Amino acid sequence: MTAKEKWKWTKKITKWISATLKQGEQTEKLKASDLVRLALFTEHKRIPLRRDEINKKVLGSNTRSFTVVFERAQRLLRKTFAMELVELQSRNYREQDPATGDDLQNATGVKKKAAAAGSKTYILRSVLNIAIIEQAALTGDRLLEEQITEGPDDDDDEDTPRNYGSIISWSSADQLAALGLLHVILALILVNGRSISELELRANLKRLRIPSSGTVPTNAQSTHRAMPIDTYLSQLMRQGYIDRVRLGDNKAAGGKRGRGPAATQVNADDNQAYEWRWGTRAHSEIGEQAVASFVAEFMTDCTRQNEDEEDEEDDGGPVRGRGRGKGRQDGAAKKLETMLKAIERASGGNLAGIK
């Protein structure tokens, strides 16, 4: 074979390899786009995306390309939607004692490996900076005027979205009542030592005027105007925000934790045998530190408002004075710090961020 023929063959082989690589890259792009669509569709229903479902609906027989396709989908999600896929921690890993180390012992004294950290289930989580979200939630006078001008004339209609004058549309984006009650329930669980009995939870909700026969209001996007509280709690369990477990289960013996049935399937006499805890999604999407800050800021603001009202009554008018205002700010910061420490003690340990 002459040098000219070798050069032709080398050129053909190089061209074939290049075409094969381009075809493989194009296939990976398509698979990544399919994974993004699947993740968005699953997140809309607020249910975790399982790896088995990814293999079945996206990868097919080529499951070895999971890592490559997953990373490409992550880049697309971050760039286009400011979101990312996050693997949920397994419940056994989250609840095991960190002081035991990598090796555990079962009842017979035989060593066994610690629980796996990953659960092979994923959720979508925002990667937007918190400062951007706070600015987008602020009310702008000009935007509020435009919303009122362009909005419908019938403001008394309950189905009409409320105008907030902010970039984030709170009226149409989320179920605000359900979202607010979720954070209240997570806060109750946290300050009760990270678990609360069924009876205690029901009693606390009743104090908030949400009895067991009560309902949670929904916005116009929902098919029903209100959701029964038991249905709402079952929905939170299905979505992974909270768990309902049976009291007295021995997780150290190596058996699986007993998970309680849905709230609508339990008699009132059996409520004392169950307790509520945070679910895996709450740890990965919200975090204990955020809920603790929510509670501390709420309590501090309420205290400050009461003090301002008392001062106005004593002074016969609004409180004025630059020195007093600065002192109030310093006092509020100290109260906030004290409140956060109290919540941390009530929870029983260090407050964790999102995982």
Protein backbone atom coordinates (compact mmCIF):
# COMPACT_ATOMS: atom_id res chain seq x y z
CA MET A 1 0.00 0.00 0.00
CA THR A 2 1.42 3.30 -1.09
CA ALA A 3 1.66 6.35 1.12
CA LYS A 4 -1.16 7.98 -0.86
CA GLU A 5 -3.49 5.01 -0.26
CA LYS A 6 -2.62 4.96 3.45
CA TRP A 7 -3.49 8.61 3.64
CA LYS A 8 -6.88 7.99 1.99
CA TRP A 9 -7.69 5.14 4.39
CA THR A 10 -6.62 7.21 7.38
CA LYS A 11 -8.82 10.05 6.21
CA LYS A 12 -11.84 7.74 5.80
CA ILE A 13 -11.36 6.18 9.23
CA THR A 14 -10.99 9.60 10.85
CA LYS A 15 -14.14 10.82 9.10
CA TRP A 16 -16.05 7.71 10.23
CA ILE A 17 -14.90 8.14 13.84
CA SER A 18 -15.84 11.82 13.79
CA ALA A 19 -19.31 11.03 12.43
CA THR A 20 -19.80 8.34 15.07
CA LEU A 21 -18.80 10.71 17.85
CA LYS A 22 -21.12 13.43 16.55
CA GLN A 23 -23.97 10.93 16.37
CA GLY A 24 -23.28 9.81 19.93
CA GLU A 25 -23.16 13.41 21.14
CA GLN A 26 -26.43 14.19 19.39
CA THR A 27 -28.04 11.16 21.02
CA GLU A 28 -26.83 12.33 24.43
CA LYS A 29 -28.33 15.78 23.80
CA LEU A 30 -31.70 14.26 22.93
CA LYS A 31 -31.61 11.97 25.96
CA ALA A 32 -30.72 14.92 28.21
CA SER A 33 -33.66 16.92 26.83
CA ASP A 34 -35.94 13.96 27.47
CA LEU A 35 -34.69 13.76 31.05
CA VAL A 36 -35.34 17.49 31.58
CA ARG A 37 -38.93 17.11 30.32
CA LEU A 38 -39.49 14.08 32.54
CA ALA A 39 -38.08 15.90 35.58
CA LEU A 40 -40.28 18.96 35.00
CA PHE A 41 -43.38 16.80 34.50
CA THR A 42 -42.67 14.81 37.66
CA GLU A 43 -41.94 17.94 39.71
CA HIS A 44 -45.25 19.46 38.62
CA LYS A 45 -46.94 16.58 40.44
CA ARG A 46 -44.58 17.05 43.42
CA ILE A 47 -43.48 13.44 43.45
CA PRO A 48 -39.86 12.18 43.45
CA LEU A 49 -38.32 10.95 40.19
CA ARG A 50 -36.92 7.44 40.53
CA ARG A 51 -33.81 6.27 38.72
CA ASP A 52 -35.67 3.18 37.48
CA GLU A 53 -38.12 5.52 35.77
CA ILE A 54 -35.25 7.42 34.14
CA ASN A 55 -33.75 4.18 32.85
CA LYS A 56 -37.09 3.02 31.49
CA LYS A 57 -38.41 6.22 29.90
CA VAL A 58 -35.18 7.97 28.88
CA LEU A 59 -32.16 5.68 28.59
CA GLY A 60 -33.79 2.44 27.50
CA SER A 61 -31.21 -0.30 27.07
CA ASN A 62 -28.27 2.13 27.29
CA THR A 63 -28.31 2.53 31.09
CA ARG A 64 -24.51 2.90 31.24
CA SER A 65 -24.82 6.42 29.84
CA PHE A 66 -26.74 7.59 32.95
CA THR A 67 -23.91 9.72 34.35
CA VAL A 68 -23.18 11.49 31.05
CA VAL A 69 -26.85 12.16 30.28
CA PHE A 70 -27.56 13.22 33.86
CA GLU A 71 -24.73 15.80 33.92
CA ARG A 72 -25.79 17.20 30.53
CA ALA A 73 -29.38 17.49 31.79
CA GLN A 74 -28.13 19.24 34.93
CA ARG A 75 -26.35 21.89 32.84
CA LEU A 76 -29.50 22.41 30.78
CA LEU A 77 -31.69 22.71 33.88
CA ARG A 78 -29.38 25.21 35.58
CA LYS A 79 -28.95 27.38 32.49
CA THR A 80 -32.58 27.38 31.32
CA PHE A 81 -34.73 26.94 34.42
CA ALA A 82 -32.36 27.84 37.31
CA MET A 83 -33.05 24.43 38.83
CA GLU A 84 -31.14 21.21 39.44
CA LEU A 85 -31.86 17.57 40.21
CA VAL A 86 -30.98 16.61 43.80
CA GLU A 87 -30.83 13.04 45.09
CA LEU A 88 -32.86 12.51 48.25
CA GLN A 89 -31.14 10.90 51.21
CA SER A 90 -32.38 7.50 52.29
CA ARG A 91 -34.36 7.46 55.51
CA ASN A 92 -32.14 4.83 57.15
CA TYR A 93 -29.01 6.88 56.45
CA ARG A 94 -30.60 10.10 57.73
CA GLU A 95 -31.80 8.53 60.99
CA GLN A 96 -28.76 6.42 61.84
CA ASP A 97 -26.55 7.57 64.71
CA PRO A 98 -23.54 9.46 63.25
CA ALA A 99 -21.41 8.42 66.25
CA THR A 100 -21.52 4.76 65.19
CA GLY A 101 -19.15 5.35 62.27
CA ASP A 102 -19.10 3.38 59.05
CA ASP A 103 -19.67 -0.02 60.65
CA LEU A 104 -22.70 -1.02 62.69
CA GLN A 105 -23.52 -4.15 64.66
CA ASN A 106 -26.77 -6.02 64.58
CA ALA A 107 -28.35 -7.89 67.48
CA THR A 108 -25.97 -10.87 67.05
CA GLY A 109 -22.86 -8.69 67.18
CA VAL A 110 -21.98 -9.19 63.50
CA LYS A 111 -20.74 -6.07 61.75
CA LYS A 112 -22.67 -4.71 58.83
CA LYS A 113 -22.22 -1.74 56.56
CA ALA A 114 -23.90 1.57 57.27
CA ALA A 115 -26.99 2.49 55.28
CA ALA A 116 -26.44 3.93 51.82
CA ALA A 117 -26.70 7.73 51.65
CA GLY A 118 -28.54 7.94 48.33
CA SER A 119 -32.07 6.72 47.70
CA LYS A 120 -31.87 6.80 43.87
CA THR A 121 -34.79 9.23 43.85
CA TYR A 122 -34.53 12.86 42.75
CA ILE A 123 -36.38 16.16 43.05
CA LEU A 124 -35.95 19.52 41.36
CA ARG A 125 -34.59 22.32 43.53
CA SER A 126 -34.04 25.99 42.70
CA VAL A 127 -30.48 27.27 42.37
CA LEU A 128 -31.47 30.95 42.37
CA ASN A 129 -29.62 33.09 44.88
CA ILE A 130 -31.80 33.93 47.88
CA ALA A 131 -31.07 37.63 47.35
CA ILE A 132 -32.64 37.45 43.86
CA ILE A 133 -35.76 35.77 45.25
CA GLU A 134 -36.10 38.39 48.00
CA GLN A 135 -35.81 41.25 45.49
CA ALA A 136 -38.33 39.59 43.15
CA ALA A 137 -40.81 39.29 46.04
CA LEU A 138 -40.69 43.01 46.91
CA THR A 139 -43.65 45.20 45.97
CA GLY A 140 -43.01 47.82 43.28
CA ASP A 141 -45.43 50.75 43.17
CA ARG A 142 -45.22 51.11 39.39
CA LEU A 143 -45.76 47.40 38.77
CA LEU A 144 -48.65 47.33 41.23
CA GLU A 145 -50.37 50.22 39.42
CA GLU A 146 -49.97 48.44 36.07
CA GLN A 147 -51.39 45.21 37.48
CA ILE A 148 -54.41 47.03 38.90
CA THR A 149 -54.97 48.93 35.65
CA GLU A 150 -54.68 45.88 33.40
CA GLY A 151 -56.48 43.52 35.77
CA PRO A 152 -60.23 42.70 35.81
CA ASP A 153 -62.65 45.24 37.27
CA ASP A 154 -64.40 42.73 39.54
CA ASP A 155 -62.08 42.72 42.57
CA ASP A 156 -64.68 41.06 44.79
CA ASP A 157 -64.53 37.81 42.84
CA GLU A 158 -62.71 35.15 44.90
CA ASP A 159 -61.26 33.60 41.73
CA THR A 160 -59.56 36.86 40.74
CA PRO A 161 -55.82 36.70 41.52
CA ARG A 162 -54.66 39.25 44.07
CA ASN A 163 -52.17 41.87 42.90
CA TYR A 164 -48.93 42.07 44.90
CA GLY A 165 -46.90 44.35 42.63
CA SER A 166 -43.98 41.89 42.60
CA ILE A 167 -42.25 39.90 39.88
CA ILE A 168 -43.19 36.66 41.62
CA SER A 169 -46.89 36.01 41.17
CA TRP A 170 -47.87 34.57 44.54
CA SER A 171 -51.56 34.34 43.58
CA SER A 172 -51.09 32.00 40.63
CA ALA A 173 -47.78 30.24 41.30
CA ASP A 174 -48.45 28.24 44.47
CA GLN A 175 -51.17 27.18 46.86
CA LEU A 176 -50.31 29.75 49.52
CA ALA A 177 -52.55 28.36 52.26
CA ALA A 178 -51.24 24.82 51.82
CA LEU A 179 -47.64 26.05 51.59
CA GLY A 180 -47.98 28.17 54.72
CA LEU A 181 -49.57 25.34 56.72
CA LEU A 182 -46.77 23.00 55.60
CA HIS A 183 -44.16 25.31 57.16
CA VAL A 184 -46.21 25.57 60.34
CA ILE A 185 -46.41 21.76 60.63
CA LEU A 186 -42.67 21.43 59.98
CA ALA A 187 -42.03 24.06 62.64
CA LEU A 188 -44.20 22.22 65.18
CA ILE A 189 -42.33 18.99 64.50
CA LEU A 190 -38.94 20.70 64.76
CA VAL A 191 -39.51 22.49 68.08
CA ASN A 192 -40.95 19.30 69.60
CA GLY A 193 -37.65 17.49 69.29
CA ARG A 194 -37.99 16.63 65.59
CA SER A 195 -41.08 14.46 66.19
CA ILE A 196 -44.61 15.09 67.39
CA SER A 197 -47.34 12.64 68.31
CA GLU A 198 -50.57 12.44 66.34
CA LEU A 199 -52.61 13.82 69.25
CA GLU A 200 -50.22 16.72 69.84
CA LEU A 201 -50.27 17.70 66.19
CA ARG A 202 -54.06 17.60 66.06
CA ALA A 203 -54.28 19.65 69.26
CA ASN A 204 -51.91 22.31 67.92
CA LEU A 205 -53.78 22.53 64.62
CA LYS A 206 -57.04 22.91 66.55
CA ARG A 207 -55.56 25.89 68.42
CA LEU A 208 -54.92 27.40 64.98
CA ARG A 209 -58.63 26.89 64.18
CA ILE A 210 -57.93 23.89 61.95
CA PRO A 211 -59.83 20.99 63.56
CA SER A 212 -59.72 17.43 62.28
CA SER A 213 -62.88 18.14 60.31
CA GLY A 214 -61.43 21.37 58.90
CA THR A 215 -60.26 22.15 55.37
CA VAL A 216 -57.32 23.88 53.69
CA PRO A 217 -58.38 26.53 51.11
CA THR A 218 -56.96 26.34 47.59
CA ASN A 219 -56.70 28.89 44.79
CA ALA A 220 -58.52 29.00 41.47
CA GLN A 221 -56.03 26.67 39.79
CA SER A 222 -57.19 23.73 41.90
CA THR A 223 -60.15 21.57 40.90
CA HIS A 224 -61.57 21.82 44.45
CA ARG A 225 -62.09 24.99 46.47
CA ALA A 226 -60.89 23.34 49.68
CA MET A 227 -59.04 20.20 50.79
CA PRO A 228 -59.91 18.20 53.95
CA ILE A 229 -57.10 18.28 56.49
CA ASP A 230 -56.69 14.49 56.44
CA THR A 231 -56.38 14.52 52.65
CA TYR A 232 -53.86 17.34 52.93
CA LEU A 233 -51.69 15.41 55.42
CA SER A 234 -51.83 12.31 53.20
CA GLN A 235 -50.74 14.45 50.25
CA LEU A 236 -47.75 15.77 52.21
CA MET A 237 -46.78 12.17 53.03
CA ARG A 238 -47.05 11.14 49.38
CA GLN A 239 -44.93 14.10 48.31
CA GLY A 240 -42.27 13.28 50.92
CA TYR A 241 -42.53 16.38 53.13
CA ILE A 242 -43.56 14.50 56.29
CA ASP A 243 -43.56 10.89 57.50
CA ARG A 244 -46.01 9.14 59.81
CA VAL A 245 -44.31 6.34 61.73
CA ARG A 246 -45.46 3.93 64.38
CA LEU A 247 -44.14 4.45 67.88
CA GLY A 248 -42.03 1.72 69.45
CA ASP A 249 -40.45 0.41 66.24
CA ASN A 250 -36.90 -0.76 66.96
CA LYS A 251 -34.75 0.47 64.09
CA ALA A 252 -31.57 -0.67 65.82
CA ALA A 253 -32.56 -4.30 65.43
CA GLY A 254 -32.04 -4.08 61.72
CA GLY A 255 -35.69 -4.21 60.67
CA LYS A 256 -37.42 -1.65 58.53
CA ARG A 257 -39.22 1.20 60.21
CA GLY A 258 -42.96 0.78 60.28
CA ARG A 259 -44.66 3.50 58.30
CA GLY A 260 -48.13 4.48 59.39
CA PRO A 261 -51.05 4.34 56.98
CA ALA A 262 -52.60 7.45 55.53
CA ALA A 263 -54.33 9.72 58.00
CA THR A 264 -57.75 8.92 56.57
CA GLN A 265 -57.25 5.22 57.31
CA VAL A 266 -56.58 5.51 61.06
CA ASN A 267 -59.14 5.48 63.84
CA ALA A 268 -59.02 8.15 66.53
CA ASP A 269 -58.11 5.52 69.15
CA ASP A 270 -54.99 4.59 67.21
CA ASN A 271 -53.67 8.16 66.86
CA GLN A 272 -51.58 7.92 70.01
CA ALA A 273 -49.58 5.06 68.46
CA TYR A 274 -48.13 7.24 65.70
CA GLU A 275 -45.91 10.28 65.41
CA TRP A 276 -45.03 12.71 62.66
CA ARG A 277 -41.49 13.47 61.45
CA TRP A 278 -39.87 15.36 58.62
CA GLY A 279 -39.74 13.57 55.28
CA THR A 280 -36.80 13.36 52.92
CA ARG A 281 -38.11 16.10 50.65
CA ALA A 282 -38.38 18.60 53.51
CA HIS A 283 -34.72 18.03 54.40
CA SER A 284 -33.57 18.49 50.79
CA GLU A 285 -35.89 21.31 49.76
CA ILE A 286 -36.45 23.43 52.88
CA GLY A 287 -34.01 22.54 55.68
CA GLU A 288 -34.15 22.93 59.45
CA GLN A 289 -32.21 26.20 59.50
CA ALA A 290 -34.74 27.89 57.18
CA VAL A 291 -37.72 26.76 59.27
CA ALA A 292 -35.99 27.85 62.48
CA SER A 293 -35.33 31.30 60.96
CA PHE A 294 -38.97 31.49 59.87
CA VAL A 295 -40.17 30.80 63.43
CA ALA A 296 -37.61 33.11 65.08
CA GLU A 297 -38.36 36.04 62.75
CA PHE A 298 -42.10 35.59 63.20
CA MET A 299 -41.87 35.51 66.99
CA THR A 300 -39.45 38.46 67.11
CA ASP A 301 -41.64 40.57 64.81
CA CYS A 302 -44.71 39.84 66.94
CA THR A 303 -42.84 40.83 70.10
CA ARG A 304 -41.54 44.05 68.52
CA GLN A 305 -45.01 45.04 67.30
CA ASN A 306 -46.48 44.52 70.77
CA GLU A 307 -43.71 46.63 72.33
CA ASP A 308 -44.26 49.44 69.80
CA GLU A 309 -47.98 49.47 70.53
CA GLU A 310 -47.33 49.63 74.29
CA ASP A 311 -44.86 52.52 73.83
CA GLU A 312 -47.34 54.45 71.71
CA GLU A 313 -49.96 54.09 74.40
CA ASP A 314 -47.53 55.23 77.12
CA ASP A 315 -46.12 58.18 75.13
CA GLY A 316 -49.44 59.21 73.63
CA GLY A 317 -48.14 59.00 70.06
CA PRO A 318 -45.78 57.24 67.68
CA VAL A 319 -42.28 56.44 68.94
CA ARG A 320 -39.62 58.81 67.58
CA GLY A 321 -35.91 59.37 68.08
CA ARG A 322 -32.88 58.10 66.24
CA GLY A 323 -31.17 56.79 69.37
CA ARG A 324 -34.17 54.80 70.45
CA GLY A 325 -34.56 53.34 66.95
CA LYS A 326 -30.95 52.13 66.88
CA GLY A 327 -31.35 50.61 70.31
CA ARG A 328 -34.45 48.80 69.13
CA GLN A 329 -32.58 47.33 66.15
CA ASP A 330 -29.76 46.05 68.36
CA GLY A 331 -32.27 44.59 70.78
CA ALA A 332 -34.19 42.90 67.96
CA ALA A 333 -30.99 41.30 66.63
CA LYS A 334 -30.15 39.92 70.07
CA LYS A 335 -33.69 38.61 70.53
CA LEU A 336 -33.52 36.92 67.13
CA GLU A 337 -30.24 35.23 68.05
CA THR A 338 -31.63 34.13 71.41
CA MET A 339 -34.76 32.76 69.76
CA LEU A 340 -32.71 30.75 67.26
CA LYS A 341 -30.65 29.21 70.07
CA ALA A 342 -33.85 28.33 71.95
CA ILE A 343 -35.28 26.61 68.85
CA GLU A 344 -32.04 24.68 68.40
CA ARG A 345 -32.23 23.44 72.00
CA ALA A 346 -35.88 22.50 71.57
CA SER A 347 -35.07 20.51 68.43
CA GLY A 348 -32.55 18.43 70.35
CA GLY A 349 -29.37 19.21 68.41
CA ASN A 350 -27.66 21.19 65.69
CA LEU A 351 -29.96 22.58 63.01
CA ALA A 352 -29.19 21.21 59.56
CA GLY A 353 -29.41 23.05 56.27
CA ILE A 354 -30.72 21.57 53.06
CA LYS A 355 -29.18 18.22 52.16
